[in-house]
Amino acid sequence: GEYRPAGEMVDARTFVNALVGLMATGGSTNHVLHIPAMAAAAGYEVTLEDFADVSAVVPLLCRIYPNGPADVNHFHAAGGMGFVVGQLLKAGLLQGDAAGAFGPISTYSQEPWLDGDVLKWREAPTESADLDIIRPIEDPFSSSGGLQMLDGPLGRGVIKISAVKPERHVTEAPARVFESQEAVKAAFQAGELDRDVVIVVRFQGPAANGMPELHGLSGAIGALHDKGHNVALVTDG
């Protein structure tokens, strides 16, 4: 119950831990926006190179939707955050003395449970209950984390590599350029994308149209993959 303002809780270790946790659990591209913004508000700079450097040394421990079939309930049943934090602490990848919302990060390797009507805490499992969902640090899904930085003639960005099958890490195909996801859907419905194609959707950033979610294209891309086509999506959103 002790009051502790955010300015006393957040420091450089906070953001390093955030990057480590992000990479170990599969990586969300949304955090490439959120973490640098929060760091900037606290007086720190987090760059795409920082994401890449952390991803290179943090193994992928989780397969949770959308980079796996399991949902958060399956994840919790397999060991949950307590197991993951414990593994990262054991490997020296998390700074356990850094502050979290409810105490030092080192205490996050515990899990809550009910003893009758009383809430108590105990050490989280030290073994995964489902190796298809969570892996130990010695046997990860991948030796690197969930996000990778991309750099080339089109610009710089990130890819959620944990959600991409290894055989699709390289996609070579003619590009088709669109200016809205609605136009992509219309072309898909018309059968115009029934081939190998790199779908480029431009003008989707915050300054253009507010950066809308493009999850609606996942179904079309998945259907094209199921037909055996090599398909990739490139966007500035």
C-alpha atoms as a PDB file:
ATOM      1  CA  GLY A   1       0.000   0.000   0.000  1.00  0.00           C
ATOM      2  CA  GLU A   2       2.997   2.314  -0.005  1.00  0.00           C
ATOM      3  CA  TYR A   3       2.660   5.114  -2.535  1.00  0.00           C
ATOM      4  CA  ARG A   4       5.412   5.091  -5.123  1.00  0.00           C
ATOM      5  CA  PRO A   5       5.167   7.426  -8.127  1.00  0.00           C
ATOM      6  CA  ALA A   6       6.058   6.090 -11.550  1.00  0.00           C
ATOM      7  CA  GLY A   7       9.068   8.401 -11.713  1.00  0.00           C
ATOM      8  CA  GLU A   8      10.666   6.517  -8.826  1.00  0.00           C
ATOM      9  CA  MET A   9       9.766   3.090 -10.243  1.00  0.00           C
ATOM     10  CA  VAL A  10      10.945   3.411 -13.831  1.00  0.00           C
ATOM     11  CA  ASP A  11      14.608   3.442 -14.816  1.00  0.00           C
ATOM     12  CA  ALA A  12      16.807   2.001 -17.569  1.00  0.00           C
ATOM     13  CA  ARG A  13      16.501  -1.519 -16.116  1.00  0.00           C
ATOM     14  CA  THR A  14      12.727  -1.297 -16.519  1.00  0.00           C
ATOM     15  CA  PHE A  15      12.976  -0.937 -20.273  1.00  0.00           C
ATOM     16  CA  VAL A  16      15.673  -3.577 -20.670  1.00  0.00           C
ATOM     17  CA  ASN A  17      13.434  -5.998 -18.775  1.00  0.00           C
ATOM     18  CA  ALA A  18      10.490  -4.985 -20.956  1.00  0.00           C
ATOM     19  CA  LEU A  19      12.455  -5.815 -24.103  1.00  0.00           C
ATOM     20  CA  VAL A  20      13.637  -9.133 -22.671  1.00  0.00           C
ATOM     21  CA  GLY A  21      10.103 -10.166 -21.708  1.00  0.00           C
ATOM     22  CA  LEU A  22       8.786  -9.082 -25.087  1.00  0.00           C
ATOM     23  CA  MET A  23      11.312 -11.173 -27.001  1.00  0.00           C
ATOM     24  CA  ALA A  24      10.935 -14.261 -24.823  1.00  0.00           C
ATOM     25  CA  THR A  25       7.150 -14.327 -25.187  1.00  0.00           C
ATOM     26  CA  GLY A  26       6.995 -13.900 -28.953  1.00  0.00           C
ATOM     27  CA  GLY A  27       7.178 -10.200 -29.598  1.00  0.00           C
ATOM     28  CA  SER A  28       4.337  -7.835 -30.450  1.00  0.00           C
ATOM     29  CA  THR A  29       5.027  -5.239 -33.118  1.00  0.00           C
ATOM     30  CA  ASN A  30       2.768  -2.833 -31.189  1.00  0.00           C
ATOM     31  CA  HIS A  31       5.428  -2.652 -28.485  1.00  0.00           C
ATOM     32  CA  VAL A  32       7.859  -1.167 -30.997  1.00  0.00           C
ATOM     33  CA  LEU A  33       5.657   1.916 -30.656  1.00  0.00           C
ATOM     34  CA  HIS A  34       4.729   1.681 -26.981  1.00  0.00           C
ATOM     35  CA  ILE A  35       8.093   0.934 -25.342  1.00  0.00           C
ATOM     36  CA  PRO A  36      10.067   3.755 -27.046  1.00  0.00           C
ATOM     37  CA  ALA A  37       7.221   6.182 -26.274  1.00  0.00           C
ATOM     38  CA  MET A  38       7.169   5.236 -22.587  1.00  0.00           C
ATOM     39  CA  ALA A  39      10.966   5.370 -22.435  1.00  0.00           C
ATOM     40  CA  ALA A  40      11.008   8.831 -24.002  1.00  0.00           C
ATOM     41  CA  ALA A  41       8.521  10.059 -21.398  1.00  0.00           C
ATOM     42  CA  ALA A  42      10.933   8.802 -18.722  1.00  0.00           C
ATOM     43  CA  GLY A  43      13.956  10.439 -20.352  1.00  0.00           C
ATOM     44  CA  TYR A  44      15.419   7.393 -22.117  1.00  0.00           C
ATOM     45  CA  GLU A  45      15.885   6.515 -25.776  1.00  0.00           C
ATOM     46  CA  VAL A  46      15.002   3.040 -27.046  1.00  0.00           C
ATOM     47  CA  THR A  47      15.817   2.394 -30.713  1.00  0.00           C
ATOM     48  CA  LEU A  48      15.142  -0.343 -33.240  1.00  0.00           C
ATOM     49  CA  GLU A  49      18.770  -1.381 -32.768  1.00  0.00           C
ATOM     50  CA  ASP A  50      18.023  -1.981 -29.081  1.00  0.00           C
ATOM     51  CA  PHE A  51      15.157  -4.294 -30.027  1.00  0.00           C
ATOM     52  CA  ALA A  52      17.461  -6.149 -32.426  1.00  0.00           C
ATOM     53  CA  ASP A  53      20.320  -6.435 -29.915  1.00  0.00           C
ATOM     54  CA  VAL A  54      18.059  -7.850 -27.202  1.00  0.00           C
ATOM     55  CA  SER A  55      16.345 -10.230 -29.618  1.00  0.00           C
ATOM     56  CA  ALA A  56      19.736 -11.623 -30.632  1.00  0.00           C
ATOM     57  CA  VAL A  57      20.482 -12.865 -27.099  1.00  0.00           C
ATOM     58  CA  VAL A  58      17.041 -13.707 -25.672  1.00  0.00           C
ATOM     59  CA  PRO A  59      15.556 -17.084 -26.693  1.00  0.00           C
ATOM     60  CA  LEU A  60      11.920 -17.576 -27.658  1.00  0.00           C
ATOM     61  CA  LEU A  61      10.219 -19.485 -24.842  1.00  0.00           C
ATOM     62  CA  CYS A  62       6.513 -19.229 -25.745  1.00  0.00           C
ATOM     63  CA  ARG A  63       4.100 -20.176 -28.499  1.00  0.00           C
ATOM     64  CA  ILE A  64       0.951 -18.171 -27.816  1.00  0.00           C
ATOM     65  CA  TYR A  65      -1.563 -16.787 -30.311  1.00  0.00           C
ATOM     66  CA  PRO A  66      -0.877 -15.346 -32.848  1.00  0.00           C
ATOM     67  CA  ASN A  67       2.477 -17.158 -33.029  1.00  0.00           C
ATOM     68  CA  GLY A  68       0.872 -20.403 -31.846  1.00  0.00           C
ATOM     69  CA  PRO A  69      -2.554 -21.981 -31.246  1.00  0.00           C
ATOM     70  CA  ALA A  70      -2.547 -21.563 -27.437  1.00  0.00           C
ATOM     71  CA  ASP A  71      -4.469 -18.741 -25.761  1.00  0.00           C
ATOM     72  CA  VAL A  72      -3.594 -17.019 -22.476  1.00  0.00           C
ATOM     73  CA  ASN A  73      -5.525 -19.631 -20.484  1.00  0.00           C
ATOM     74  CA  HIS A  74      -3.441 -22.444 -21.981  1.00  0.00           C
ATOM     75  CA  PHE A  75      -0.332 -20.347 -21.330  1.00  0.00           C
ATOM     76  CA  HIS A  76      -1.226 -19.911 -17.661  1.00  0.00           C
ATOM     77  CA  ALA A  77      -2.019 -23.613 -17.262  1.00  0.00           C
ATOM     78  CA  ALA A  78       1.357 -24.528 -18.764  1.00  0.00           C
ATOM     79  CA  GLY A  79       3.240 -22.427 -16.200  1.00  0.00           C
ATOM     80  CA  GLY A  80       2.400 -18.858 -17.099  1.00  0.00           C
ATOM     81  CA  MET A  81       4.389 -15.744 -16.383  1.00  0.00           C
ATOM     82  CA  GLY A  82       5.774 -17.159 -13.152  1.00  0.00           C
ATOM     83  CA  PHE A  83       7.536 -19.943 -15.043  1.00  0.00           C
ATOM     84  CA  VAL A  84       8.764 -17.617 -17.811  1.00  0.00           C
ATOM     85  CA  VAL A  85      10.099 -15.012 -15.370  1.00  0.00           C
ATOM     86  CA  GLY A  86      11.785 -17.752 -13.345  1.00  0.00           C
ATOM     87  CA  GLN A  87      13.533 -19.080 -16.444  1.00  0.00           C
ATOM     88  CA  LEU A  88      14.709 -15.617 -17.502  1.00  0.00           C
ATOM     89  CA  LEU A  89      15.972 -14.862 -14.003  1.00  0.00           C
ATOM     90  CA  LYS A  90      17.819 -18.193 -13.909  1.00  0.00           C
ATOM     91  CA  ALA A  91      19.556 -17.321 -17.168  1.00  0.00           C
ATOM     92  CA  GLY A  92      20.519 -13.855 -15.918  1.00  0.00           C
ATOM     93  CA  LEU A  93      18.490 -12.174 -18.654  1.00  0.00           C
ATOM     94  CA  LEU A  94      16.187 -10.212 -16.330  1.00  0.00           C
ATOM     95  CA  GLN A  95      17.363  -7.702 -13.745  1.00  0.00           C
ATOM     96  CA  GLY A  96      15.507  -8.980 -10.714  1.00  0.00           C
ATOM     97  CA  ASP A  97      16.195  -5.969  -8.501  1.00  0.00           C
ATOM     98  CA  ALA A  98      14.359  -3.650 -10.888  1.00  0.00           C
ATOM     99  CA  ALA A  99      10.968  -2.466  -9.655  1.00  0.00           C
ATOM    100  CA  GLY A 100       7.713  -3.845 -10.976  1.00  0.00           C
ATOM    101  CA  ALA A 101       4.208  -2.649 -10.273  1.00  0.00           C
ATOM    102  CA  PHE A 102       3.895  -4.990  -7.266  1.00  0.00           C
ATOM    103  CA  GLY A 103       7.472  -5.324  -6.063  1.00  0.00           C
ATOM    104  CA  PRO A 104      10.867  -6.384  -7.425  1.00  0.00           C
ATOM    105  CA  ILE A 105      10.833  -8.357 -10.661  1.00  0.00           C
ATOM    106  CA  SER A 106      12.488 -11.230  -8.791  1.00  0.00           C
ATOM    107  CA  THR A 107       9.175 -11.826  -6.985  1.00  0.00           C
ATOM    108  CA  TYR A 108       7.316 -12.256 -10.273  1.00  0.00           C
ATOM    109  CA  SER A 109       8.467 -15.866 -10.389  1.00  0.00           C
ATOM    110  CA  GLN A 110       5.660 -16.545  -7.926  1.00  0.00           C
ATOM    111  CA  GLU A 111       1.997 -17.212  -8.620  1.00  0.00           C
ATOM    112  CA  PRO A 112      -1.168 -16.481  -6.629  1.00  0.00           C
ATOM    113  CA  TRP A 113      -3.456 -19.207  -5.295  1.00  0.00           C
ATOM    114  CA  LEU A 114      -6.474 -19.463  -3.007  1.00  0.00           C
ATOM    115  CA  ASP A 115      -6.170 -21.259   0.304  1.00  0.00           C
ATOM    116  CA  GLY A 116      -9.881 -21.392   1.071  1.00  0.00           C
ATOM    117  CA  ASP A 117     -10.858 -17.723   0.918  1.00  0.00           C
ATOM    118  CA  VAL A 118      -7.336 -16.449   1.536  1.00  0.00           C
ATOM    119  CA  LEU A 119      -5.125 -15.232  -1.298  1.00  0.00           C
ATOM    120  CA  LYS A 120      -1.591 -16.578  -0.935  1.00  0.00           C
ATOM    121  CA  TRP A 121       1.553 -16.702  -3.049  1.00  0.00           C
ATOM    122  CA  ARG A 122       3.807 -19.628  -3.885  1.00  0.00           C
ATOM    123  CA  GLU A 123       6.716 -20.305  -6.193  1.00  0.00           C
ATOM    124  CA  ALA A 124       5.616 -20.892  -9.771  1.00  0.00           C
ATOM    125  CA  PRO A 125       6.276 -24.268 -11.433  1.00  0.00           C
ATOM    126  CA  THR A 126       9.867 -24.960 -12.394  1.00  0.00           C
ATOM    127  CA  GLU A 127       8.860 -27.323 -15.196  1.00  0.00           C
ATOM    128  CA  SER A 128       6.595 -26.585 -18.134  1.00  0.00           C
ATOM    129  CA  ALA A 129       3.293 -28.457 -18.137  1.00  0.00           C
ATOM    130  CA  ASP A 130       3.128 -28.271 -21.943  1.00  0.00           C
ATOM    131  CA  LEU A 131       6.301 -28.029 -24.025  1.00  0.00           C
ATOM    132  CA  ASP A 132       4.267 -27.050 -27.091  1.00  0.00           C
ATOM    133  CA  ILE A 133       3.374 -23.781 -25.316  1.00  0.00           C
ATOM    134  CA  ILE A 134       6.272 -22.911 -22.977  1.00  0.00           C
ATOM    135  CA  ARG A 135       9.840 -24.180 -23.118  1.00  0.00           C
ATOM    136  CA  PRO A 136      12.631 -24.028 -20.523  1.00  0.00           C
ATOM    137  CA  ILE A 137      15.575 -21.733 -21.130  1.00  0.00           C
ATOM    138  CA  GLU A 138      17.766 -24.742 -22.030  1.00  0.00           C
ATOM    139  CA  ASP A 139      15.400 -25.900 -24.795  1.00  0.00           C
ATOM    140  CA  PRO A 140      13.769 -22.833 -26.387  1.00  0.00           C
ATOM    141  CA  PHE A 141      11.662 -22.716 -29.534  1.00  0.00           C
ATOM    142  CA  SER A 142      14.356 -20.488 -31.014  1.00  0.00           C
ATOM    143  CA  SER A 143      17.716 -19.174 -29.848  1.00  0.00           C
ATOM    144  CA  SER A 144      16.627 -15.621 -30.692  1.00  0.00           C
ATOM    145  CA  GLY A 145      13.586 -13.585 -29.753  1.00  0.00           C
ATOM    146  CA  GLY A 146      10.230 -12.898 -31.348  1.00  0.00           C
ATOM    147  CA  LEU A 147      11.064  -9.726 -33.294  1.00  0.00           C
ATOM    148  CA  GLN A 148      13.702  -9.003 -35.916  1.00  0.00           C
ATOM    149  CA  MET A 149      14.717  -5.658 -37.372  1.00  0.00           C
ATOM    150  CA  LEU A 150      14.531  -5.210 -41.130  1.00  0.00           C
ATOM    151  CA  ASP A 151      16.639  -2.654 -42.993  1.00  0.00           C
ATOM    152  CA  GLY A 152      16.714  -2.093 -46.732  1.00  0.00           C
ATOM    153  CA  PRO A 153      15.942   0.236 -49.640  1.00  0.00           C
ATOM    154  CA  LEU A 154      12.288   0.592 -48.599  1.00  0.00           C
ATOM    155  CA  GLY A 155      13.217   1.738 -45.092  1.00  0.00           C
ATOM    156  CA  ARG A 156      13.563   0.261 -41.611  1.00  0.00           C
ATOM    157  CA  GLY A 157      11.040  -1.751 -39.646  1.00  0.00           C
ATOM    158  CA  VAL A 158      10.380  -4.933 -37.713  1.00  0.00           C
ATOM    159  CA  ILE A 159       8.877  -8.346 -38.353  1.00  0.00           C
ATOM    160  CA  LYS A 160       7.290 -10.688 -35.840  1.00  0.00           C
ATOM    161  CA  ILE A 161       9.536 -13.557 -36.841  1.00  0.00           C
ATOM    162  CA  SER A 162       8.061 -15.873 -34.207  1.00  0.00           C
ATOM    163  CA  ALA A 163       4.807 -15.992 -36.197  1.00  0.00           C
ATOM    164  CA  VAL A 164       6.517 -16.832 -39.494  1.00  0.00           C
ATOM    165  CA  LYS A 165       7.368 -20.403 -40.437  1.00  0.00           C
ATOM    166  CA  PRO A 166      11.080 -20.878 -41.221  1.00  0.00           C
ATOM    167  CA  GLU A 167      10.330 -21.809 -44.821  1.00  0.00           C
ATOM    168  CA  ARG A 168       8.726 -18.368 -45.283  1.00  0.00           C
ATOM    169  CA  HIS A 169      11.600 -16.303 -43.895  1.00  0.00           C
ATOM    170  CA  VAL A 170      12.556 -15.417 -47.474  1.00  0.00           C
ATOM    171  CA  THR A 171       9.765 -14.441 -49.881  1.00  0.00           C
ATOM    172  CA  GLU A 172      10.498 -13.417 -53.448  1.00  0.00           C
ATOM    173  CA  ALA A 173       7.517 -12.365 -55.583  1.00  0.00           C
ATOM    174  CA  PRO A 174       6.160  -9.476 -57.653  1.00  0.00           C
ATOM    175  CA  ALA A 175       4.787  -6.609 -55.569  1.00  0.00           C
ATOM    176  CA  ARG A 176       1.237  -5.271 -55.700  1.00  0.00           C
ATOM    177  CA  VAL A 177       0.811  -1.837 -54.129  1.00  0.00           C
ATOM    178  CA  PHE A 178      -2.380  -0.746 -52.354  1.00  0.00           C
ATOM    179  CA  GLU A 179      -3.377   2.343 -50.410  1.00  0.00           C
ATOM    180  CA  SER A 180      -5.954   0.737 -48.084  1.00  0.00           C
ATOM    181  CA  GLN A 181      -6.712  -2.656 -46.601  1.00  0.00           C
ATOM    182  CA  GLU A 182     -10.174  -2.464 -48.155  1.00  0.00           C
ATOM    183  CA  ALA A 183      -8.538  -2.397 -51.588  1.00  0.00           C
ATOM    184  CA  VAL A 184      -6.502  -5.483 -50.672  1.00  0.00           C
ATOM    185  CA  LYS A 185      -9.646  -7.330 -49.601  1.00  0.00           C
ATOM    186  CA  ALA A 186     -11.420  -6.371 -52.812  1.00  0.00           C
ATOM    187  CA  ALA A 187      -8.512  -7.643 -54.921  1.00  0.00           C
ATOM    188  CA  PHE A 188      -8.456 -10.887 -52.930  1.00  0.00           C
ATOM    189  CA  GLN A 189     -12.196 -11.425 -53.398  1.00  0.00           C
ATOM    190  CA  ALA A 190     -11.763 -10.799 -57.133  1.00  0.00           C
ATOM    191  CA  GLY A 191      -9.055 -13.464 -57.355  1.00  0.00           C
ATOM    192  CA  GLU A 192      -6.386 -10.961 -58.359  1.00  0.00           C
ATOM    193  CA  LEU A 193      -4.004 -12.121 -55.607  1.00  0.00           C
ATOM    194  CA  ASP A 194      -4.247 -15.847 -56.317  1.00  0.00           C
ATOM    195  CA  ARG A 195      -0.492 -16.098 -56.962  1.00  0.00           C
ATOM    196  CA  ASP A 196       2.898 -15.408 -55.412  1.00  0.00           C
ATOM    197  CA  VAL A 197       2.779 -11.767 -54.343  1.00  0.00           C
ATOM    198  CA  VAL A 198       4.229  -9.220 -51.930  1.00  0.00           C
ATOM    199  CA  ILE A 199       1.317  -7.066 -50.802  1.00  0.00           C
ATOM    200  CA  VAL A 200       2.411  -3.493 -50.075  1.00  0.00           C
ATOM    201  CA  VAL A 201      -0.104  -1.355 -48.170  1.00  0.00           C
ATOM    202  CA  ARG A 202       1.149   2.205 -47.877  1.00  0.00           C
ATOM    203  CA  PHE A 203      -0.133   5.342 -46.115  1.00  0.00           C
ATOM    204  CA  GLN A 204      -1.152   3.421 -42.976  1.00  0.00           C
ATOM    205  CA  GLY A 205       0.955   5.326 -40.446  1.00  0.00           C
ATOM    206  CA  PRO A 206      -0.210   7.635 -37.636  1.00  0.00           C
ATOM    207  CA  ALA A 207       0.289  10.802 -39.678  1.00  0.00           C
ATOM    208  CA  ALA A 208      -1.653   9.401 -42.648  1.00  0.00           C
ATOM    209  CA  ASN A 209      -4.822   7.839 -41.254  1.00  0.00           C
ATOM    210  CA  GLY A 210      -4.225   7.138 -37.573  1.00  0.00           C
ATOM    211  CA  MET A 211      -2.502   3.761 -38.020  1.00  0.00           C
ATOM    212  CA  PRO A 212      -5.480   1.355 -38.143  1.00  0.00           C
ATOM    213  CA  GLU A 213      -5.118  -2.319 -37.272  1.00  0.00           C
ATOM    214  CA  LEU A 214      -4.466  -4.446 -40.351  1.00  0.00           C
ATOM    215  CA  HIS A 215      -5.400  -7.756 -38.732  1.00  0.00           C
ATOM    216  CA  GLY A 216      -8.279  -8.001 -41.184  1.00  0.00           C
ATOM    217  CA  LEU A 217      -5.787  -9.042 -43.863  1.00  0.00           C
ATOM    218  CA  SER A 218      -4.588 -12.090 -41.942  1.00  0.00           C
ATOM    219  CA  GLY A 219      -7.398 -14.294 -43.240  1.00  0.00           C
ATOM    220  CA  ALA A 220      -6.679 -13.483 -46.880  1.00  0.00           C
ATOM    221  CA  ILE A 221      -2.940 -14.003 -46.492  1.00  0.00           C
ATOM    222  CA  GLY A 222      -3.515 -17.268 -44.640  1.00  0.00           C
ATOM    223  CA  ALA A 223      -5.816 -18.489 -47.405  1.00  0.00           C
ATOM    224  CA  LEU A 224      -3.206 -17.697 -50.048  1.00  0.00           C
ATOM    225  CA  HIS A 225      -0.568 -19.532 -48.011  1.00  0.00           C
ATOM    226  CA  ASP A 226      -2.883 -22.526 -47.773  1.00  0.00           C
ATOM    227  CA  LYS A 227      -3.011 -22.582 -51.582  1.00  0.00           C
ATOM    228  CA  GLY A 228       0.781 -22.875 -51.648  1.00  0.00           C
ATOM    229  CA  HIS A 229       1.536 -19.298 -52.711  1.00  0.00           C
ATOM    230  CA  ASN A 230       4.490 -17.302 -51.411  1.00  0.00           C
ATOM    231  CA  VAL A 231       2.920 -14.185 -49.912  1.00  0.00           C
ATOM    232  CA  ALA A 232       4.233 -11.398 -47.688  1.00  0.00           C
ATOM    233  CA  LEU A 233       2.768  -8.166 -46.344  1.00  0.00           C
ATOM    234  CA  VAL A 234       4.766  -4.924 -46.150  1.00  0.00           C
ATOM    235  CA  THR A 235       3.210  -1.832 -44.618  1.00  0.00           C
ATOM    236  CA  ASP A 236       4.184   1.442 -42.974  1.00  0.00           C
ATOM    237  CA  GLY A 237       1.369   0.984 -40.461  1.00  0.00           C
END
